[in-house]
Amino acid sequence: MHLVALKEFLYDGSWDEIAADLRARKTGRPHVFKLETRIEEDLDRIEKLLTYERQEGINLGDYLYLYKEAKSGQS
């Protein structure tokens, strides 16, 4: 969920932007956000999430809002 939230809120819903940022960080170029896990693992996760979104014709970011709404209704 961490990568999906980053994609939606820091990268305007773009897997390409977050992947480019990770690659920039890996090579020591300026980057936007410091992720806690290893870059290669996150790039692999991004590829899997992107593939899933394409196969299912969905945007996982849309589900963040549903999750937030469901959590707020559980109080």
PDB file of N, CA and C in Angstrom:
ATOM      1  N   MET A   1       0.823  -1.190   0.000  1.00  0.00           N
ATOM      2  CA  MET A   1       0.000   0.000   0.000  1.00  0.00           C
ATOM      3  C   MET A   1       0.868   1.256   0.000  1.00  0.00           C
ATOM      4  N   HIS A   2       2.057   1.150   0.577  1.00  0.00           N
ATOM      5  CA  HIS A   2       2.961   2.287   0.657  1.00  0.00           C
ATOM      6  C   HIS A   2       3.282   2.849  -0.727  1.00  0.00           C
ATOM      7  N   LEU A   3       3.645   1.980  -1.657  1.00  0.00           N
ATOM      8  CA  LEU A   3       3.985   2.445  -3.004  1.00  0.00           C
ATOM      9  C   LEU A   3       2.773   3.008  -3.740  1.00  0.00           C
ATOM     10  N   VAL A   4       1.611   2.424  -3.532  1.00  0.00           N
ATOM     11  CA  VAL A   4       0.396   2.927  -4.187  1.00  0.00           C
ATOM     12  C   VAL A   4       0.089   4.335  -3.678  1.00  0.00           C
ATOM     13  N   ALA A   5       0.228   4.549  -2.368  1.00  0.00           N
ATOM     14  CA  ALA A   5      -0.015   5.876  -1.797  1.00  0.00           C
ATOM     15  C   ALA A   5       0.999   6.890  -2.328  1.00  0.00           C
ATOM     16  N   LEU A   6       2.259   6.503  -2.405  1.00  0.00           N
ATOM     17  CA  LEU A   6       3.269   7.404  -2.966  1.00  0.00           C
ATOM     18  C   LEU A   6       2.934   7.775  -4.401  1.00  0.00           C
ATOM     19  N   LYS A   7       2.542   6.770  -5.177  1.00  0.00           N
ATOM     20  CA  LYS A   7       2.198   7.015  -6.581  1.00  0.00           C
ATOM     21  C   LYS A   7       1.080   8.048  -6.682  1.00  0.00           C
ATOM     22  N   GLU A   8       0.060   7.870  -5.893  1.00  0.00           N
ATOM     23  CA  GLU A   8      -1.097   8.761  -5.970  1.00  0.00           C
ATOM     24  C   GLU A   8      -0.797  10.166  -5.460  1.00  0.00           C
ATOM     25  N   PHE A   9      -0.153  10.270  -4.321  1.00  0.00           N
ATOM     26  CA  PHE A   9      -0.045  11.559  -3.651  1.00  0.00           C
ATOM     27  C   PHE A   9       1.222  12.338  -3.969  1.00  0.00           C
ATOM     28  N   LEU A  10       2.313  11.679  -4.299  1.00  0.00           N
ATOM     29  CA  LEU A  10       3.542  12.402  -4.597  1.00  0.00           C
ATOM     30  C   LEU A  10       3.892  12.434  -6.077  1.00  0.00           C
ATOM     31  N   TYR A  11       3.336  11.506  -6.840  1.00  0.00           N
ATOM     32  CA  TYR A  11       3.721  11.386  -8.245  1.00  0.00           C
ATOM     33  C   TYR A  11       2.534  11.494  -9.183  1.00  0.00           C
ATOM     34  N   ASP A  12       1.475  12.129  -8.765  1.00  0.00           N
ATOM     35  CA  ASP A  12       0.292  12.360  -9.609  1.00  0.00           C
ATOM     36  C   ASP A  12      -0.216  11.102 -10.293  1.00  0.00           C
ATOM     37  N   GLY A  13      -0.162   9.968  -9.597  1.00  0.00           N
ATOM     38  CA  GLY A  13      -0.701   8.723 -10.120  1.00  0.00           C
ATOM     39  C   GLY A  13       0.169   8.041 -11.163  1.00  0.00           C
ATOM     40  N   SER A  14       1.444   8.410 -11.257  1.00  0.00           N
ATOM     41  CA  SER A  14       2.308   7.891 -12.315  1.00  0.00           C
ATOM     42  C   SER A  14       3.350   6.908 -11.794  1.00  0.00           C
ATOM     43  N   TRP A  15       3.242   5.656 -12.247  1.00  0.00           N
ATOM     44  CA  TRP A  15       4.270   4.666 -11.918  1.00  0.00           C
ATOM     45  C   TRP A  15       5.587   5.073 -12.571  1.00  0.00           C
ATOM     46  N   ASP A  16       5.539   5.634 -13.763  1.00  0.00           N
ATOM     47  CA  ASP A  16       6.759   6.035 -14.457  1.00  0.00           C
ATOM     48  C   ASP A  16       7.537   7.075 -13.661  1.00  0.00           C
ATOM     49  N   GLU A  17       6.837   8.024 -13.061  1.00  0.00           N
ATOM     50  CA  GLU A  17       7.494   9.083 -12.286  1.00  0.00           C
ATOM     51  C   GLU A  17       8.172   8.525 -11.036  1.00  0.00           C
ATOM     52  N   ILE A  18       7.497   7.644 -10.325  1.00  0.00           N
ATOM     53  CA  ILE A  18       8.087   7.082  -9.113  1.00  0.00           C
ATOM     54  C   ILE A  18       9.283   6.187  -9.474  1.00  0.00           C
ATOM     55  N   ALA A  19       9.183   5.424 -10.552  1.00  0.00           N
ATOM     56  CA  ALA A  19      10.296   4.578 -10.979  1.00  0.00           C
ATOM     57  C   ALA A  19      11.486   5.440 -11.397  1.00  0.00           C
ATOM     58  N   ALA A  20      11.229   6.526 -12.116  1.00  0.00           N
ATOM     59  CA  ALA A  20      12.309   7.429 -12.532  1.00  0.00           C
ATOM     60  C   ALA A  20      12.977   8.052 -11.314  1.00  0.00           C
ATOM     61  N   ASP A  21      12.184   8.394 -10.304  1.00  0.00           N
ATOM     62  CA  ASP A  21      12.733   8.968  -9.081  1.00  0.00           C
ATOM     63  C   ASP A  21      13.632   7.952  -8.367  1.00  0.00           C
ATOM     64  N   LEU A  22      13.204   6.703  -8.309  1.00  0.00           N
ATOM     65  CA  LEU A  22      14.019   5.664  -7.678  1.00  0.00           C
ATOM     66  C   LEU A  22      15.324   5.449  -8.442  1.00  0.00           C
ATOM     67  N   ARG A  23      15.227   5.449  -9.764  1.00  0.00           N
ATOM     68  CA  ARG A  23      16.445   5.276 -10.561  1.00  0.00           C
ATOM     69  C   ARG A  23      17.404   6.443 -10.359  1.00  0.00           C
ATOM     70  N   ALA A  24      16.867   7.666 -10.258  1.00  0.00           N
ATOM     71  CA  ALA A  24      17.705   8.838  -9.997  1.00  0.00           C
ATOM     72  C   ALA A  24      18.391   8.711  -8.641  1.00  0.00           C
ATOM     73  N   ARG A  25      17.646   8.252  -7.659  1.00  0.00           N
ATOM     74  CA  ARG A  25      18.220   8.072  -6.325  1.00  0.00           C
ATOM     75  C   ARG A  25      19.339   7.035  -6.361  1.00  0.00           C
ATOM     76  N   LYS A  26      19.107   5.965  -7.107  1.00  0.00           N
ATOM     77  CA  LYS A  26      20.079   4.880  -7.198  1.00  0.00           C
ATOM     78  C   LYS A  26      21.403   5.371  -7.787  1.00  0.00           C
ATOM     79  N   THR A  27      21.353   6.296  -8.733  1.00  0.00           N
ATOM     80  CA  THR A  27      22.561   6.793  -9.371  1.00  0.00           C
ATOM     81  C   THR A  27      23.105   8.057  -8.718  1.00  0.00           C
ATOM     82  N   GLY A  28      22.491   8.475  -7.609  1.00  0.00           N
ATOM     83  CA  GLY A  28      22.988   9.637  -6.882  1.00  0.00           C
ATOM     84  C   GLY A  28      22.496  10.972  -7.407  1.00  0.00           C
ATOM     85  N   ARG A  29      21.593  10.948  -8.377  1.00  0.00           N
ATOM     86  CA  ARG A  29      21.025  12.198  -8.883  1.00  0.00           C
ATOM     87  C   ARG A  29      19.937  12.678  -7.931  1.00  0.00           C
ATOM     88  N   PRO A  30      19.520  13.926  -8.089  1.00  0.00           N
ATOM     89  CA  PRO A  30      18.450  14.448  -7.211  1.00  0.00           C
ATOM     90  C   PRO A  30      17.197  13.589  -7.315  1.00  0.00           C
ATOM     91  N   HIS A  31      16.518  13.441  -6.197  1.00  0.00           N
ATOM     92  CA  HIS A  31      15.309  12.625  -6.117  1.00  0.00           C
ATOM     93  C   HIS A  31      14.332  13.281  -5.167  1.00  0.00           C
ATOM     94  N   VAL A  32      13.081  12.836  -5.218  1.00  0.00           N
ATOM     95  CA  VAL A  32      12.017  13.475  -4.452  1.00  0.00           C
ATOM     96  C   VAL A  32      11.858  12.897  -3.057  1.00  0.00           C
ATOM     97  N   PHE A  33      11.853  11.595  -2.938  1.00  0.00           N
ATOM     98  CA  PHE A  33      11.429  10.985  -1.684  1.00  0.00           C
ATOM     99  C   PHE A  33      12.346   9.841  -1.308  1.00  0.00           C
ATOM    100  N   LYS A  34      12.662   9.719  -0.047  1.00  0.00           N
ATOM    101  CA  LYS A  34      13.512   8.623   0.424  1.00  0.00           C
ATOM    102  C   LYS A  34      12.621   7.471   0.874  1.00  0.00           C
ATOM    103  N   LEU A  35      12.706   6.352   0.165  1.00  0.00           N
ATOM    104  CA  LEU A  35      11.952   5.171   0.553  1.00  0.00           C
ATOM    105  C   LEU A  35      12.774   4.351   1.530  1.00  0.00           C
ATOM    106  N   GLU A  36      12.110   3.632   2.416  1.00  0.00           N
ATOM    107  CA  GLU A  36      12.790   2.891   3.458  1.00  0.00           C
ATOM    108  C   GLU A  36      13.364   1.565   2.978  1.00  0.00           C
ATOM    109  N   THR A  37      12.857   1.014   1.891  1.00  0.00           N
ATOM    110  CA  THR A  37      13.318  -0.286   1.427  1.00  0.00           C
ATOM    111  C   THR A  37      14.332  -0.120   0.312  1.00  0.00           C
ATOM    112  N   ARG A  38      14.900  -1.211  -0.100  1.00  0.00           N
ATOM    113  CA  ARG A  38      15.890  -1.166  -1.173  1.00  0.00           C
ATOM    114  C   ARG A  38      15.237  -0.798  -2.494  1.00  0.00           C
ATOM    115  N   ILE A  39      15.955  -0.033  -3.277  1.00  0.00           N
ATOM    116  CA  ILE A  39      15.429   0.497  -4.534  1.00  0.00           C
ATOM    117  C   ILE A  39      15.055  -0.613  -5.508  1.00  0.00           C
ATOM    118  N   GLU A  40      15.900  -1.604  -5.667  1.00  0.00           N
ATOM    119  CA  GLU A  40      15.598  -2.685  -6.617  1.00  0.00           C
ATOM    120  C   GLU A  40      14.306  -3.408  -6.235  1.00  0.00           C
ATOM    121  N   GLU A  41      14.094  -3.624  -4.954  1.00  0.00           N
ATOM    122  CA  GLU A  41      12.860  -4.282  -4.503  1.00  0.00           C
ATOM    123  C   GLU A  41      11.651  -3.432  -4.837  1.00  0.00           C
ATOM    124  N   ASP A  42      11.754  -2.121  -4.636  1.00  0.00           N
ATOM    125  CA  ASP A  42      10.636  -1.240  -4.951  1.00  0.00           C
ATOM    126  C   ASP A  42      10.379  -1.183  -6.449  1.00  0.00           C
ATOM    127  N   LEU A  43      11.437  -1.170  -7.248  1.00  0.00           N
ATOM    128  CA  LEU A  43      11.244  -1.176  -8.705  1.00  0.00           C
ATOM    129  C   LEU A  43      10.553  -2.463  -9.144  1.00  0.00           C
ATOM    130  N   ASP A  44      10.910  -3.588  -8.540  1.00  0.00           N
ATOM    131  CA  ASP A  44      10.226  -4.852  -8.844  1.00  0.00           C
ATOM    132  C   ASP A  44       8.758  -4.794  -8.435  1.00  0.00           C
ATOM    133  N   ARG A  45       8.491  -4.239  -7.267  1.00  0.00           N
ATOM    134  CA  ARG A  45       7.095  -4.097  -6.805  1.00  0.00           C
ATOM    135  C   ARG A  45       6.301  -3.213  -7.751  1.00  0.00           C
ATOM    136  N   ILE A  46       6.905  -2.108  -8.175  1.00  0.00           N
ATOM    137  CA  ILE A  46       6.227  -1.193  -9.095  1.00  0.00           C
ATOM    138  C   ILE A  46       5.851  -1.917 -10.377  1.00  0.00           C
ATOM    139  N   GLU A  47       6.764  -2.685 -10.910  1.00  0.00           N
ATOM    140  CA  GLU A  47       6.486  -3.421 -12.151  1.00  0.00           C
ATOM    141  C   GLU A  47       5.317  -4.381 -11.963  1.00  0.00           C
ATOM    142  N   LYS A  48       5.284  -5.079 -10.836  1.00  0.00           N
ATOM    143  CA  LYS A  48       4.188  -6.008 -10.556  1.00  0.00           C
ATOM    144  C   LYS A  48       2.861  -5.269 -10.394  1.00  0.00           C
ATOM    145  N   LEU A  49       2.877  -4.151  -9.675  1.00  0.00           N
ATOM    146  CA  LEU A  49       1.648  -3.382  -9.478  1.00  0.00           C
ATOM    147  C   LEU A  49       1.159  -2.781 -10.793  1.00  0.00           C
ATOM    148  N   LEU A  50       2.080  -2.272 -11.588  1.00  0.00           N
ATOM    149  CA  LEU A  50       1.713  -1.712 -12.886  1.00  0.00           C
ATOM    150  C   LEU A  50       1.120  -2.779 -13.792  1.00  0.00           C
ATOM    151  N   THR A  51       1.731  -3.941 -13.817  1.00  0.00           N
ATOM    152  CA  THR A  51       1.214  -5.053 -14.617  1.00  0.00           C
ATOM    153  C   THR A  51      -0.188  -5.429 -14.159  1.00  0.00           C
ATOM    154  N   TYR A  52      -0.396  -5.517 -12.861  1.00  0.00           N
ATOM    155  CA  TYR A  52      -1.711  -5.857 -12.318  1.00  0.00           C
ATOM    156  C   TYR A  52      -2.752  -4.812 -12.725  1.00  0.00           C
ATOM    157  N   GLU A  53      -2.389  -3.526 -12.584  1.00  0.00           N
ATOM    158  CA  GLU A  53      -3.327  -2.472 -12.976  1.00  0.00           C
ATOM    159  C   GLU A  53      -3.718  -2.590 -14.450  1.00  0.00           C
ATOM    160  N   ARG A  54      -2.744  -2.840 -15.295  1.00  0.00           N
ATOM    161  CA  ARG A  54      -3.025  -2.957 -16.724  1.00  0.00           C
ATOM    162  C   ARG A  54      -3.892  -4.167 -17.037  1.00  0.00           C
ATOM    163  N   GLN A  55      -3.582  -5.303 -16.415  1.00  0.00           N
ATOM    164  CA  GLN A  55      -4.354  -6.518 -16.659  1.00  0.00           C
ATOM    165  C   GLN A  55      -5.804  -6.366 -16.210  1.00  0.00           C
ATOM    166  N   GLU A  56      -5.998  -5.705 -15.088  1.00  0.00           N
ATOM    167  CA  GLU A  56      -7.349  -5.572 -14.521  1.00  0.00           C
ATOM    168  C   GLU A  56      -8.068  -4.307 -14.985  1.00  0.00           C
ATOM    169  N   GLY A  57      -7.348  -3.407 -15.649  1.00  0.00           N
ATOM    170  CA  GLY A  57      -7.957  -2.160 -16.109  1.00  0.00           C
ATOM    171  C   GLY A  57      -8.382  -1.260 -14.961  1.00  0.00           C
ATOM    172  N   ILE A  58      -7.558  -1.218 -13.912  1.00  0.00           N
ATOM    173  CA  ILE A  58      -7.889  -0.410 -12.736  1.00  0.00           C
ATOM    174  C   ILE A  58      -6.712   0.489 -12.359  1.00  0.00           C
ATOM    175  N   ASN A  59      -6.985   1.410 -11.456  1.00  0.00           N
ATOM    176  CA  ASN A  59      -5.963   2.240 -10.824  1.00  0.00           C
ATOM    177  C   ASN A  59      -6.034   1.923  -9.335  1.00  0.00           C
ATOM    178  N   LEU A  60      -5.003   1.292  -8.805  1.00  0.00           N
ATOM    179  CA  LEU A  60      -5.026   0.914  -7.392  1.00  0.00           C
ATOM    180  C   LEU A  60      -5.183   2.122  -6.474  1.00  0.00           C
ATOM    181  N   GLY A  61      -4.751   3.277  -6.941  1.00  0.00           N
ATOM    182  CA  GLY A  61      -4.909   4.492  -6.145  1.00  0.00           C
ATOM    183  C   GLY A  61      -6.361   4.805  -5.829  1.00  0.00           C
ATOM    184  N   ASP A  62      -7.266   4.416  -6.727  1.00  0.00           N
ATOM    185  CA  ASP A  62      -8.693   4.642  -6.463  1.00  0.00           C
ATOM    186  C   ASP A  62      -9.135   3.926  -5.193  1.00  0.00           C
ATOM    187  N   TYR A  63      -8.490   2.817  -4.890  1.00  0.00           N
ATOM    188  CA  TYR A  63      -8.870   2.035  -3.723  1.00  0.00           C
ATOM    189  C   TYR A  63      -8.367   2.636  -2.425  1.00  0.00           C
ATOM    190  N   LEU A  64      -7.381   3.521  -2.496  1.00  0.00           N
ATOM    191  CA  LEU A  64      -6.927   4.204  -1.287  1.00  0.00           C
ATOM    192  C   LEU A  64      -8.054   5.049  -0.695  1.00  0.00           C
ATOM    193  N   TYR A  65      -8.794   5.705  -1.561  1.00  0.00           N
ATOM    194  CA  TYR A  65      -9.893   6.536  -1.101  1.00  0.00           C
ATOM    195  C   TYR A  65     -11.002   5.675  -0.498  1.00  0.00           C
ATOM    196  N   LEU A  66     -11.279   4.538  -1.118  1.00  0.00           N
ATOM    197  CA  LEU A  66     -12.279   3.622  -0.569  1.00  0.00           C
ATOM    198  C   LEU A  66     -11.828   3.088   0.785  1.00  0.00           C
ATOM    199  N   TYR A  67     -10.545   2.760   0.904  1.00  0.00           N
ATOM    200  CA  TYR A  67      -9.981   2.259   2.149  1.00  0.00           C
ATOM    201  C   TYR A  67     -10.092   3.320   3.238  1.00  0.00           C
ATOM    202  N   LYS A  68      -9.751   4.555   2.890  1.00  0.00           N
ATOM    203  CA  LYS A  68      -9.826   5.660   3.857  1.00  0.00           C
ATOM    204  C   LYS A  68     -11.264   5.866   4.326  1.00  0.00           C
ATOM    205  N   GLU A  69     -12.206   5.823   3.396  1.00  0.00           N
ATOM    206  CA  GLU A  69     -13.612   5.985   3.747  1.00  0.00           C
ATOM    207  C   GLU A  69     -14.086   4.847   4.651  1.00  0.00           C
ATOM    208  N   ALA A  70     -13.686   3.636   4.332  1.00  0.00           N
ATOM    209  CA  ALA A  70     -14.081   2.486   5.149  1.00  0.00           C
ATOM    210  C   ALA A  70     -13.505   2.586   6.553  1.00  0.00           C
ATOM    211  N   LYS A  71     -12.259   3.009   6.659  1.00  0.00           N
ATOM    212  CA  LYS A  71     -11.619   3.156   7.960  1.00  0.00           C
ATOM    213  C   LYS A  71     -12.292   4.248   8.786  1.00  0.00           C
ATOM    214  N   SER A  72     -12.663   5.342   8.164  1.00  0.00           N
ATOM    215  CA  SER A  72     -13.283   6.450   8.905  1.00  0.00           C
ATOM    216  C   SER A  72     -14.694   6.059   9.376  1.00  0.00           C
ATOM    217  N   GLY A  73     -15.325   5.147   8.683  1.00  0.00           N
ATOM    218  CA  GLY A  73     -16.659   4.696   9.074  1.00  0.00           C
ATOM    219  C   GLY A  73     -16.657   3.655  10.180  1.00  0.00           C
ATOM    220  N   GLN A  74     -15.468   3.143  10.536  1.00  0.00           N
ATOM    221  CA  GLN A  74     -15.367   2.099  11.555  1.00  0.00           C
ATOM    222  C   GLN A  74     -15.272   2.659  12.973  1.00  0.00           C
ATOM    223  N   SER A  75     -15.173   3.953  13.137  1.00  0.00           N
ATOM    224  CA  SER A  75     -14.960   4.549  14.462  1.00  0.00           C
ATOM    225  C   SER A  75     -15.927   4.090  15.487  1.00  0.00           C
TER     226      SER A  75
END
